[in-house]
Amino acid sequence: DDGYEDKDIQVLSPMYQGVAGVDALNEALQSLLNPPSPL
C-alpha cells in the first residue's frame, strides 16, 4: 500500500513444513499478491 513491489519484500522461513513454513506462507502470499484472475 506504501508503494513497495513484491520484489522489495522477502519473507524467509527456516523450513518448508509447518503453519509458518515456506509452503504455507507462499500459498498465502500468492493469494494476496497475485490472486486468481480471468486475465
Full PDB file with SEQRES, HELIX, SHEET, SSBOND, CRYST1, ORIGX, SCALE, CONECT and MASTER records, all heavy atoms in Angstrom:
SEQRES   1 A   39  ASP ASP GLY TYR GLU ASP LYS ASP ILE GLN VAL LEU SER          
SEQRES   2 A   39  PRO MET TYR GLN GLY VAL ALA GLY VAL ASP ALA LEU ASN          
SEQRES   3 A   39  GLU ALA LEU GLN SER LEU LEU ASN PRO PRO SER PRO LEU          
HELIX    1 AA1 ASP A    6  ASP A    8  5                                   3    
HELIX    2 AA2 VAL A   22  LEU A   33  1                                  12    
CRYST1    1.000    1.000    1.000  90.00  90.00  90.00 P 1           1          
ORIGX1      1.000000  0.000000  0.000000        0.00000                         
ORIGX2      0.000000  1.000000  0.000000        0.00000                         
ORIGX3      0.000000  0.000000  1.000000        0.00000                         
SCALE1      1.000000  0.000000  0.000000        0.00000                         
SCALE2      0.000000  1.000000  0.000000        0.00000                         
SCALE3      0.000000  0.000000  1.000000        0.00000                         
ATOM      1  N   ASP A   1       0.826  -1.217   0.000  1.00  0.00           N  
ATOM      2  CA  ASP A   1       0.000   0.000   0.000  1.00  0.00           C  
ATOM      3  C   ASP A   1       0.858   1.264   0.000  1.00  0.00           C  
ATOM      4  O   ASP A   1       0.428   2.318  -0.477  1.00  0.00           O  
ATOM      5  CB  ASP A   1      -0.935   0.020   1.212  1.00  0.00           C  
ATOM      6  CG  ASP A   1      -2.027  -1.040   1.130  1.00  0.00           C  
ATOM      7  OD1 ASP A   1      -2.250  -1.559   0.016  1.00  0.00           O  
ATOM      8  OD2 ASP A   1      -2.644  -1.348   2.166  1.00  0.00           O  
ATOM      9  N   ASP A   2       2.092   1.147   0.548  1.00  0.00           N  
ATOM     10  CA  ASP A   2       3.004   2.296   0.587  1.00  0.00           C  
ATOM     11  C   ASP A   2       3.818   2.432  -0.702  1.00  0.00           C  
ATOM     12  O   ASP A   2       4.686   3.313  -0.796  1.00  0.00           O  
ATOM     13  CB  ASP A   2       3.964   2.182   1.773  1.00  0.00           C  
ATOM     14  CG  ASP A   2       3.275   2.508   3.098  1.00  0.00           C  
ATOM     15  OD1 ASP A   2       2.196   3.130   3.065  1.00  0.00           O  
ATOM     16  OD2 ASP A   2       3.810   2.128   4.158  1.00  0.00           O  
ATOM     17  N   GLY A   3       3.558   1.556  -1.674  1.00  0.00           N  
ATOM     18  CA  GLY A   3       4.221   1.679  -2.967  1.00  0.00           C  
ATOM     19  C   GLY A   3       5.366   0.722  -3.222  1.00  0.00           C  
ATOM     20  O   GLY A   3       6.019   0.782  -4.271  1.00  0.00           O  
ATOM     21  N   TYR A   4       5.629  -0.175  -2.267  1.00  0.00           N  
ATOM     22  CA  TYR A   4       6.665  -1.174  -2.492  1.00  0.00           C  
ATOM     23  C   TYR A   4       6.181  -2.239  -3.467  1.00  0.00           C  
ATOM     24  O   TYR A   4       4.988  -2.509  -3.565  1.00  0.00           O  
ATOM     25  CB  TYR A   4       7.068  -1.848  -1.171  1.00  0.00           C  
ATOM     26  CG  TYR A   4       7.950  -1.006  -0.276  1.00  0.00           C  
ATOM     27  CD1 TYR A   4       7.446   0.092   0.416  1.00  0.00           C  
ATOM     28  CD2 TYR A   4       9.293  -1.322  -0.118  1.00  0.00           C  
ATOM     29  CE1 TYR A   4       8.260   0.859   1.249  1.00  0.00           C  
ATOM     30  CE2 TYR A   4      10.120  -0.561   0.715  1.00  0.00           C  
ATOM     31  CZ  TYR A   4       9.588   0.517   1.387  1.00  0.00           C  
ATOM     32  OH  TYR A   4      10.392   1.278   2.201  1.00  0.00           O  
ATOM     33  N   GLU A   5       7.111  -2.879  -4.184  1.00  0.00           N  
ATOM     34  CA  GLU A   5       6.792  -4.007  -5.058  1.00  0.00           C  
ATOM     35  C   GLU A   5       7.120  -5.308  -4.338  1.00  0.00           C  
ATOM     36  O   GLU A   5       7.891  -5.315  -3.364  1.00  0.00           O  
ATOM     37  CB  GLU A   5       7.584  -3.902  -6.359  1.00  0.00           C  
ATOM     38  CG  GLU A   5       7.298  -2.645  -7.161  1.00  0.00           C  
ATOM     39  CD  GLU A   5       8.114  -2.587  -8.436  1.00  0.00           C  
ATOM     40  OE1 GLU A   5       8.481  -3.660  -8.961  1.00  0.00           O  
ATOM     41  OE2 GLU A   5       8.409  -1.466  -8.900  1.00  0.00           O  
ATOM     42  N   ASP A   6       6.534  -6.412  -4.836  1.00  0.00           N  
ATOM     43  CA  ASP A   6       6.766  -7.687  -4.146  1.00  0.00           C  
ATOM     44  C   ASP A   6       8.239  -8.091  -4.162  1.00  0.00           C  
ATOM     45  O   ASP A   6       8.713  -8.784  -3.269  1.00  0.00           O  
ATOM     46  CB  ASP A   6       5.881  -8.802  -4.702  1.00  0.00           C  
ATOM     47  CG  ASP A   6       6.147  -9.107  -6.173  1.00  0.00           C  
ATOM     48  OD1 ASP A   6       7.079  -8.530  -6.754  1.00  0.00           O  
ATOM     49  OD2 ASP A   6       5.408  -9.926  -6.744  1.00  0.00           O  
ATOM     50  N   LYS A   7       9.001  -7.621  -5.154  1.00  0.00           N  
ATOM     51  CA  LYS A   7      10.427  -7.957  -5.197  1.00  0.00           C  
ATOM     52  C   LYS A   7      11.206  -7.267  -4.074  1.00  0.00           C  
ATOM     53  O   LYS A   7      12.333  -7.668  -3.756  1.00  0.00           O  
ATOM     54  CB  LYS A   7      11.022  -7.582  -6.552  1.00  0.00           C  
ATOM     55  CG  LYS A   7      11.061  -6.094  -6.832  1.00  0.00           C  
ATOM     56  CD  LYS A   7      11.683  -5.798  -8.189  1.00  0.00           C  
ATOM     57  CE  LYS A   7      11.735  -4.286  -8.446  1.00  0.00           C  
ATOM     58  NZ  LYS A   7      12.342  -3.993  -9.775  1.00  0.00           N  
ATOM     59  N   ASP A   8      10.631  -6.205  -3.486  1.00  0.00           N  
ATOM     60  CA  ASP A   8      11.299  -5.474  -2.406  1.00  0.00           C  
ATOM     61  C   ASP A   8      11.105  -6.130  -1.050  1.00  0.00           C  
ATOM     62  O   ASP A   8      11.792  -5.782  -0.089  1.00  0.00           O  
ATOM     63  CB  ASP A   8      10.762  -4.038  -2.315  1.00  0.00           C  
ATOM     64  CG  ASP A   8      10.971  -3.244  -3.589  1.00  0.00           C  
ATOM     65  OD1 ASP A   8      12.027  -3.436  -4.226  1.00  0.00           O  
ATOM     66  OD2 ASP A   8      10.076  -2.452  -3.957  1.00  0.00           O  
ATOM     67  N   ILE A   9      10.131  -7.053  -0.973  1.00  0.00           N  
ATOM     68  CA  ILE A   9       9.749  -7.653   0.309  1.00  0.00           C  
ATOM     69  C   ILE A   9      10.035  -9.147   0.253  1.00  0.00           C  
ATOM     70  O   ILE A   9       9.514  -9.844  -0.619  1.00  0.00           O  
ATOM     71  CB  ILE A   9       8.251  -7.441   0.589  1.00  0.00           C  
ATOM     72  CG1 ILE A   9       7.885  -5.960   0.438  1.00  0.00           C  
ATOM     73  CG2 ILE A   9       7.868  -7.963   1.956  1.00  0.00           C  
ATOM     74  CD1 ILE A   9       6.400  -5.713   0.268  1.00  0.00           C  
ATOM     75  N   GLN A  10      10.866  -9.642   1.156  1.00  0.00           N  
ATOM     76  CA  GLN A  10      11.172 -11.061   1.142  1.00  0.00           C  
ATOM     77  C   GLN A  10      10.848 -11.693   2.490  1.00  0.00           C  
ATOM     78  O   GLN A  10      11.358 -11.265   3.525  1.00  0.00           O  
ATOM     79  CB  GLN A  10      12.631 -11.323   0.807  1.00  0.00           C  
ATOM     80  CG  GLN A  10      12.933 -12.784   0.564  1.00  0.00           C  
ATOM     81  CD  GLN A  10      12.071 -13.359  -0.556  1.00  0.00           C  
ATOM     82  OE1 GLN A  10      12.077 -12.862  -1.666  1.00  0.00           O  
ATOM     83  NE2 GLN A  10      11.322 -14.415  -0.254  1.00  0.00           N  
ATOM     84  N   VAL A  11       9.982 -12.703   2.446  1.00  0.00           N  
ATOM     85  CA  VAL A  11       9.670 -13.490   3.637  1.00  0.00           C  
ATOM     86  C   VAL A  11      10.605 -14.693   3.649  1.00  0.00           C  
ATOM     87  O   VAL A  11      10.782 -15.363   2.620  1.00  0.00           O  
ATOM     88  CB  VAL A  11       8.196 -13.934   3.639  1.00  0.00           C  
ATOM     89  CG1 VAL A  11       7.880 -14.720   4.909  1.00  0.00           C  
ATOM     90  CG2 VAL A  11       7.273 -12.725   3.507  1.00  0.00           C  
ATOM     91  N   LEU A  12      11.208 -14.975   4.801  1.00  0.00           N  
ATOM     92  CA  LEU A  12      12.134 -16.092   4.951  1.00  0.00           C  
ATOM     93  C   LEU A  12      11.629 -17.022   6.045  1.00  0.00           C  
ATOM     94  O   LEU A  12      11.090 -16.560   7.051  1.00  0.00           O  
ATOM     95  CB  LEU A  12      13.535 -15.597   5.323  1.00  0.00           C  
ATOM     96  CG  LEU A  12      14.197 -14.600   4.378  1.00  0.00           C  
ATOM     97  CD1 LEU A  12      15.554 -14.168   4.944  1.00  0.00           C  
ATOM     98  CD2 LEU A  12      14.375 -15.207   2.998  1.00  0.00           C  
ATOM     99  N   SER A  13      11.814 -18.318   5.841  1.00  0.00           N  
ATOM    100  CA  SER A  13      11.439 -19.294   6.852  1.00  0.00           C  
ATOM    101  C   SER A  13      12.480 -20.410   6.848  1.00  0.00           C  
ATOM    102  O   SER A  13      13.007 -20.749   5.787  1.00  0.00           O  
ATOM    103  CB  SER A  13      10.040 -19.854   6.558  1.00  0.00           C  
ATOM    104  OG  SER A  13       9.616 -20.716   7.601  1.00  0.00           O  
ATOM    105  N   PRO A  14      12.792 -20.983   7.986  1.00  0.00           N  
ATOM    106  CA  PRO A  14      13.853 -21.995   8.036  1.00  0.00           C  
ATOM    107  C   PRO A  14      13.509 -23.310   7.343  1.00  0.00           C  
ATOM    108  O   PRO A  14      14.404 -24.045   6.938  1.00  0.00           O  
ATOM    109  CB  PRO A  14      14.046 -22.229   9.541  1.00  0.00           C  
ATOM    110  CG  PRO A  14      13.453 -21.043  10.206  1.00  0.00           C  
ATOM    111  CD  PRO A  14      12.324 -20.614   9.327  1.00  0.00           C  
ATOM    112  N   MET A  15      12.216 -23.634   7.225  1.00  0.00           N  
ATOM    113  CA  MET A  15      11.857 -24.941   6.677  1.00  0.00           C  
ATOM    114  C   MET A  15      10.560 -24.859   5.881  1.00  0.00           C  
ATOM    115  O   MET A  15       9.821 -23.882   5.961  1.00  0.00           O  
ATOM    116  CB  MET A  15      11.740 -25.971   7.803  1.00  0.00           C  
ATOM    117  CG  MET A  15      10.747 -25.614   8.893  1.00  0.00           C  
ATOM    118  SD  MET A  15      11.019 -26.563  10.417  1.00  0.00           S  
ATOM    119  CE  MET A  15      10.819 -28.234   9.836  1.00  0.00           C  
ATOM    120  N   TYR A  16      10.302 -25.896   5.093  1.00  0.00           N  
ATOM    121  CA  TYR A  16       9.147 -25.893   4.186  1.00  0.00           C  
ATOM    122  C   TYR A  16       7.844 -26.233   4.899  1.00  0.00           C  
ATOM    123  O   TYR A  16       6.805 -25.657   4.590  1.00  0.00           O  
ATOM    124  CB  TYR A  16       9.384 -26.884   3.033  1.00  0.00           C  
ATOM    125  CG  TYR A  16      10.352 -26.362   2.002  1.00  0.00           C  
ATOM    126  CD1 TYR A  16      11.710 -26.649   2.092  1.00  0.00           C  
ATOM    127  CD2 TYR A  16       9.909 -25.569   0.942  1.00  0.00           C  
ATOM    128  CE1 TYR A  16      12.605 -26.153   1.157  1.00  0.00           C  
ATOM    129  CE2 TYR A  16      10.796 -25.069  -0.001  1.00  0.00           C  
ATOM    130  CZ  TYR A  16      12.138 -25.364   0.106  1.00  0.00           C  
ATOM    131  OH  TYR A  16      13.023 -24.858  -0.822  1.00  0.00           O  
ATOM    132  N   GLN A  17       7.885 -27.157   5.864  1.00  0.00           N  
ATOM    133  CA  GLN A  17       6.666 -27.610   6.510  1.00  0.00           C  
ATOM    134  C   GLN A  17       6.292 -26.698   7.675  1.00  0.00           C  
ATOM    135  O   GLN A  17       7.081 -25.895   8.136  1.00  0.00           O  
ATOM    136  CB  GLN A  17       6.827 -29.058   7.009  1.00  0.00           C  
ATOM    137  CG  GLN A  17       6.964 -30.097   5.900  1.00  0.00           C  
ATOM    138  CD  GLN A  17       8.336 -30.120   5.278  1.00  0.00           C  
ATOM    139  OE1 GLN A  17       9.319 -29.884   5.954  1.00  0.00           O  
ATOM    140  NE2 GLN A  17       8.402 -30.402   3.981  1.00  0.00           N  
ATOM    141  N   GLY A  18       5.044 -26.880   8.165  1.00  0.00           N  
ATOM    142  CA  GLY A  18       4.603 -26.169   9.355  1.00  0.00           C  
ATOM    143  C   GLY A  18       3.648 -25.037   9.043  1.00  0.00           C  
ATOM    144  O   GLY A  18       3.495 -24.612   7.897  1.00  0.00           O  
ATOM    145  N   VAL A  19       3.001 -24.525  10.099  1.00  0.00           N  
ATOM    146  CA  VAL A  19       1.991 -23.479   9.922  1.00  0.00           C  
ATOM    147  C   VAL A  19       2.593 -22.183   9.395  1.00  0.00           C  
ATOM    148  O   VAL A  19       1.899 -21.367   8.785  1.00  0.00           O  
ATOM    149  CB  VAL A  19       1.241 -23.192  11.245  1.00  0.00           C  
ATOM    150  CG1 VAL A  19       0.412 -24.381  11.667  1.00  0.00           C  
ATOM    151  CG2 VAL A  19       2.225 -22.782  12.348  1.00  0.00           C  
ATOM    152  N   ALA A  20       3.894 -21.992   9.618  1.00  0.00           N  
ATOM    153  CA  ALA A  20       4.569 -20.803   9.090  1.00  0.00           C  
ATOM    154  C   ALA A  20       5.803 -21.206   8.293  1.00  0.00           C  
ATOM    155  O   ALA A  20       6.800 -20.475   8.240  1.00  0.00           O  
ATOM    156  CB  ALA A  20       4.955 -19.853  10.216  1.00  0.00           C  
ATOM    157  N   GLY A  21       5.705 -22.382   7.663  1.00  0.00           N  
ATOM    158  CA  GLY A  21       6.787 -22.831   6.800  1.00  0.00           C  
ATOM    159  C   GLY A  21       6.704 -22.180   5.427  1.00  0.00           C  
ATOM    160  O   GLY A  21       5.752 -21.447   5.117  1.00  0.00           O  
ATOM    161  N   VAL A  22       7.680 -22.449   4.594  1.00  0.00           N  
ATOM    162  CA  VAL A  22       7.750 -21.839   3.260  1.00  0.00           C  
ATOM    163  C   VAL A  22       6.497 -22.137   2.440  1.00  0.00           C  
ATOM    164  O   VAL A  22       5.933 -21.243   1.794  1.00  0.00           O  
ATOM    165  CB  VAL A  22       9.012 -22.335   2.519  1.00  0.00           C  
ATOM    166  CG1 VAL A  22       8.991 -21.899   1.059  1.00  0.00           C  
ATOM    167  CG2 VAL A  22      10.267 -21.822   3.200  1.00  0.00           C  
ATOM    168  N   ASP A  23       6.035 -23.378   2.460  1.00  0.00           N  
ATOM    169  CA  ASP A  23       4.884 -23.749   1.628  1.00  0.00           C  
ATOM    170  C   ASP A  23       3.625 -22.995   2.030  1.00  0.00           C  
ATOM    171  O   ASP A  23       2.913 -22.443   1.173  1.00  0.00           O  
ATOM    172  CB  ASP A  23       4.647 -25.266   1.704  1.00  0.00           C  
ATOM    173  CG  ASP A  23       5.765 -26.071   1.059  1.00  0.00           C  
ATOM    174  OD1 ASP A  23       6.464 -25.510   0.188  1.00  0.00           O  
ATOM    175  OD2 ASP A  23       5.951 -27.244   1.433  1.00  0.00           O  
ATOM    176  N   ALA A  24       3.330 -22.960   3.330  1.00  0.00           N  
ATOM    177  CA  ALA A  24       2.120 -22.280   3.806  1.00  0.00           C  
ATOM    178  C   ALA A  24       2.188 -20.776   3.527  1.00  0.00           C  
ATOM    179  O   ALA A  24       1.199 -20.154   3.105  1.00  0.00           O  
ATOM    180  CB  ALA A  24       1.929 -22.531   5.299  1.00  0.00           C  
ATOM    181  N   LEU A  25       3.341 -20.179   3.728  1.00  0.00           N  
ATOM    182  CA  LEU A  25       3.488 -18.748   3.511  1.00  0.00           C  
ATOM    183  C   LEU A  25       3.423 -18.399   2.026  1.00  0.00           C  
ATOM    184  O   LEU A  25       2.828 -17.390   1.638  1.00  0.00           O  
ATOM    185  CB  LEU A  25       4.801 -18.260   4.127  1.00  0.00           C  
ATOM    186  CG  LEU A  25       4.761 -18.104   5.649  1.00  0.00           C  
ATOM    187  CD1 LEU A  25       6.166 -18.023   6.235  1.00  0.00           C  
ATOM    188  CD2 LEU A  25       3.965 -16.861   6.037  1.00  0.00           C  
ATOM    189  N   ASN A  26       4.004 -19.241   1.182  1.00  0.00           N  
ATOM    190  CA  ASN A  26       3.924 -18.988  -0.260  1.00  0.00           C  
ATOM    191  C   ASN A  26       2.479 -19.015  -0.751  1.00  0.00           C  
ATOM    192  O   ASN A  26       2.062 -18.177  -1.549  1.00  0.00           O  
ATOM    193  CB  ASN A  26       4.761 -20.015  -1.031  1.00  0.00           C  
ATOM    194  CG  ASN A  26       6.137 -19.493  -1.394  1.00  0.00           C  
ATOM    195  OD1 ASN A  26       6.316 -18.302  -1.657  1.00  0.00           O  
ATOM    196  ND2 ASN A  26       7.116 -20.374  -1.410  1.00  0.00           N  
ATOM    197  N   GLU A  27       1.726 -19.992  -0.266  1.00  0.00           N  
ATOM    198  CA  GLU A  27       0.326 -20.105  -0.686  1.00  0.00           C  
ATOM    199  C   GLU A  27      -0.468 -18.870  -0.264  1.00  0.00           C  
ATOM    200  O   GLU A  27      -1.244 -18.315  -1.048  1.00  0.00           O  
ATOM    201  CB  GLU A  27      -0.288 -21.376  -0.087  1.00  0.00           C  
ATOM    202  CG  GLU A  27      -1.700 -21.650  -0.567  1.00  0.00           C  
ATOM    203  CD  GLU A  27      -2.256 -22.961  -0.021  1.00  0.00           C  
ATOM    204  OE1 GLU A  27      -1.455 -23.800   0.465  1.00  0.00           O  
ATOM    205  OE2 GLU A  27      -3.484 -23.155  -0.089  1.00  0.00           O  
ATOM    206  N   ALA A  28      -0.263 -18.428   0.976  1.00  0.00           N  
ATOM    207  CA  ALA A  28      -0.989 -17.260   1.471  1.00  0.00           C  
ATOM    208  C   ALA A  28      -0.557 -15.979   0.760  1.00  0.00           C  
ATOM    209  O   ALA A  28      -1.386 -15.130   0.400  1.00  0.00           O  
ATOM    210  CB  ALA A  28      -0.773 -17.121   2.974  1.00  0.00           C  
ATOM    211  N   LEU A  29       0.735 -15.843   0.532  1.00  0.00           N  
ATOM    212  CA  LEU A  29       1.254 -14.633  -0.110  1.00  0.00           C  
ATOM    213  C   LEU A  29       0.875 -14.566  -1.583  1.00  0.00           C  
ATOM    214  O   LEU A  29       0.624 -13.484  -2.128  1.00  0.00           O  
ATOM    215  CB  LEU A  29       2.772 -14.570   0.056  1.00  0.00           C  
ATOM    216  CG  LEU A  29       3.248 -14.231   1.477  1.00  0.00           C  
ATOM    217  CD1 LEU A  29       4.712 -14.610   1.671  1.00  0.00           C  
ATOM    218  CD2 LEU A  29       3.038 -12.747   1.774  1.00  0.00           C  
ATOM    219  N   GLN A  30       0.818 -15.717  -2.242  1.00  0.00           N  
ATOM    220  CA  GLN A  30       0.363 -15.723  -3.637  1.00  0.00           C  
ATOM    221  C   GLN A  30      -1.078 -15.227  -3.724  1.00  0.00           C  
ATOM    222  O   GLN A  30      -1.429 -14.439  -4.612  1.00  0.00           O  
ATOM    223  CB  GLN A  30       0.472 -17.124  -4.236  1.00  0.00           C  
ATOM    224  CG  GLN A  30       0.076 -17.181  -5.718  1.00  0.00           C  
ATOM    225  CD  GLN A  30      -0.093 -18.608  -6.225  1.00  0.00           C  
ATOM    226  OE1 GLN A  30      -0.556 -19.485  -5.487  1.00  0.00           O  
ATOM    227  NE2 GLN A  30       0.290 -18.841  -7.468  1.00  0.00           N  
ATOM    228  N   SER A  31      -1.920 -15.662  -2.790  1.00  0.00           N  
ATOM    229  CA  SER A  31      -3.321 -15.223  -2.781  1.00  0.00           C  
ATOM    230  C   SER A  31      -3.433 -13.719  -2.578  1.00  0.00           C  
ATOM    231  O   SER A  31      -4.318 -13.066  -3.134  1.00  0.00           O  
ATOM    232  CB  SER A  31      -4.097 -15.950  -1.677  1.00  0.00           C  
ATOM    233  OG  SER A  31      -4.118 -17.341  -1.920  1.00  0.00           O  
ATOM    234  N   LEU A  32      -2.517 -13.155  -1.775  1.00  0.00           N  
ATOM    235  CA  LEU A  32      -2.541 -11.715  -1.529  1.00  0.00           C  
ATOM    236  C   LEU A  32      -1.964 -10.923  -2.696  1.00  0.00           C  
ATOM    237  O   LEU A  32      -2.553  -9.928  -3.145  1.00  0.00           O  
ATOM    238  CB  LEU A  32      -1.743 -11.394  -0.258  1.00  0.00           C  
ATOM    239  CG  LEU A  32      -1.515  -9.900   0.038  1.00  0.00           C  
ATOM    240  CD1 LEU A  32      -2.834  -9.227   0.416  1.00  0.00           C  
ATOM    241  CD2 LEU A  32      -0.474  -9.718   1.141  1.00  0.00           C  
ATOM    242  N   LEU A  33      -0.790 -11.347  -3.174  1.00  0.00           N  
ATOM    243  CA  LEU A  33      -0.042 -10.540  -4.132  1.00  0.00           C  
ATOM    244  C   LEU A  33      -0.369 -10.843  -5.592  1.00  0.00           C  
ATOM    245  O   LEU A  33      -0.173  -9.985  -6.458  1.00  0.00           O  
ATOM    246  CB  LEU A  33       1.462 -10.736  -3.899  1.00  0.00           C  
ATOM    247  CG  LEU A  33       1.969 -10.297  -2.523  1.00  0.00           C  
ATOM    248  CD1 LEU A  33       3.408 -10.747  -2.316  1.00  0.00           C  
ATOM    249  CD2 LEU A  33       1.866  -8.778  -2.362  1.00  0.00           C  
ATOM    250  N   ASN A  34      -0.847 -12.048  -5.859  1.00  0.00           N  
ATOM    251  CA  ASN A  34      -1.149 -12.425  -7.245  1.00  0.00           C  
ATOM    252  C   ASN A  34      -2.358 -13.355  -7.278  1.00  0.00           C  
ATOM    253  O   ASN A  34      -2.255 -14.527  -7.628  1.00  0.00           O  
ATOM    254  CB  ASN A  34       0.073 -13.108  -7.881  1.00  0.00           C  
ATOM    255  CG  ASN A  34      -0.075 -13.272  -9.379  1.00  0.00           C  
ATOM    256  OD1 ASN A  34      -0.721 -12.468 -10.046  1.00  0.00           O  
ATOM    257  ND2 ASN A  34       0.534 -14.323  -9.917  1.00  0.00           N  
ATOM    258  N   PRO A  35      -3.538 -12.828  -6.892  1.00  0.00           N  
ATOM    259  CA  PRO A  35      -4.731 -13.667  -6.800  1.00  0.00           C  
ATOM    260  C   PRO A  35      -5.218 -14.140  -8.168  1.00  0.00           C  
ATOM    261  O   PRO A  35      -4.819 -13.582  -9.198  1.00  0.00           O  
ATOM    262  CB  PRO A  35      -5.756 -12.730  -6.149  1.00  0.00           C  
ATOM    263  CG  PRO A  35      -5.305 -11.360  -6.528  1.00  0.00           C  
ATOM    264  CD  PRO A  35      -3.808 -11.423  -6.561  1.00  0.00           C  
ATOM    265  N   PRO A  36      -6.076 -15.165  -8.184  1.00  0.00           N  
ATOM    266  CA  PRO A  36      -6.625 -15.653  -9.458  1.00  0.00           C  
ATOM    267  C   PRO A  36      -7.354 -14.539 -10.198  1.00  0.00           C  
ATOM    268  O   PRO A  36      -7.960 -13.651  -9.588  1.00  0.00           O  
ATOM    269  CB  PRO A  36      -7.596 -16.760  -9.029  1.00  0.00           C  
ATOM    270  CG  PRO A  36      -7.178 -17.144  -7.649  1.00  0.00           C  
ATOM    271  CD  PRO A  36      -6.596 -15.919  -7.026  1.00  0.00           C  
ATOM    272  N   SER A  37      -7.288 -14.608 -11.522  1.00  0.00           N  
ATOM    273  CA  SER A  37      -7.960 -13.619 -12.359  1.00  0.00           C  
ATOM    274  C   SER A  37      -8.264 -14.245 -13.713  1.00  0.00           C  
ATOM    275  O   SER A  37      -7.450 -15.012 -14.235  1.00  0.00           O  
ATOM    276  CB  SER A  37      -7.076 -12.381 -12.544  1.00  0.00           C  
ATOM    277  OG  SER A  37      -7.563 -11.556 -13.585  1.00  0.00           O  
ATOM    278  N   PRO A  38      -9.414 -13.924 -14.289  1.00  0.00           N  
ATOM    279  CA  PRO A  38      -9.724 -14.420 -15.643  1.00  0.00           C  
ATOM    280  C   PRO A  38      -8.694 -13.956 -16.670  1.00  0.00           C  
ATOM    281  O   PRO A  38      -8.567 -14.560 -17.741  1.00  0.00           O  
ATOM    282  CB  PRO A  38     -11.103 -13.810 -15.937  1.00  0.00           C  
ATOM    283  CG  PRO A  38     -11.669 -13.453 -14.611  1.00  0.00           C  
ATOM    284  CD  PRO A  38     -10.512 -13.120 -13.735  1.00  0.00           C  
ATOM    285  N   LEU A  39      -7.982 -12.907 -16.347  1.00  0.00           N  
ATOM    286  CA  LEU A  39      -6.998 -12.359 -17.277  1.00  0.00           C  
ATOM    287  C   LEU A  39      -5.624 -13.015 -17.127  1.00  0.00           C  
ATOM    288  O   LEU A  39      -4.714 -12.719 -17.899  1.00  0.00           O  
ATOM    289  CB  LEU A  39      -6.859 -10.848 -17.045  1.00  0.00           C  
ATOM    290  CG  LEU A  39      -8.142 -10.017 -17.199  1.00  0.00           C  
ATOM    291  CD1 LEU A  39      -7.868  -8.554 -16.876  1.00  0.00           C  
ATOM    292  CD2 LEU A  39      -8.708 -10.156 -18.614  1.00  0.00           C  
TER     293      LEU A  39                                                      
MASTER        0    0    0    2    0    0    0    6  292    1    0    3          
END                                                                             
